[in-house]
Amino acid sequence: MASGFITFENGYAFGRRWTIYDHIIKAIISSLEDNVEGNLLKEWLTSMIPPDDIEDRDDGTDMGWGFIRPMDGACIIRSIDIRSLHPTYKALFLQGLEKACAHHMIHGANKVIVAQYTALNKMIAASTEKNPVRGIFDTGEMEQDDEQIGPGWEK
């Protein structure tokens, strides 16, 4: 069952099990450049996935669809709506996502990883279409709220 979602500009989402979602976010983090904007996005994305040792804990801090962030006790839902990112960081996120897909479609650790990144790559290509071909995305069109997420919105 899908428990981690990336919602694209057209309102449709990629939804997968939390392990795949976390893998993708880590791959994006790894693909971002070391500069001010890249480091700010890396820091924020790192805070949106649990620490690697969370599976070893027996305290109920990981619920699959979300987790309790150890540093501040916030309940983090595994979902990123690209439409809510600041334009600068939206572009960096998408660049990182494309780099991650390109890398893992060729160098994926196993067939499952290759298949997930191949499906994600198809969604990226179709993400600018308001009415994409049925069967490409995992969800119907999702409503957008007015939330601003990630770095860049501070005044």
Foldseek 3Di string as FASTA:
>chain_A
DFQAWEAFPLQFIATDWLVLLLVLLVQLLVQFDPDDLSVQQNVQSCQQHEPPCPVVDPPPQDDRQWGQHVVPRDTHGRYHYLVQEDPVVSVSSLVSSVVSLVCCCPPPPDPVSVVSSVLVVQCSVQRVPNDGDPPSGPDDRHDDDNHHDGPDPDD
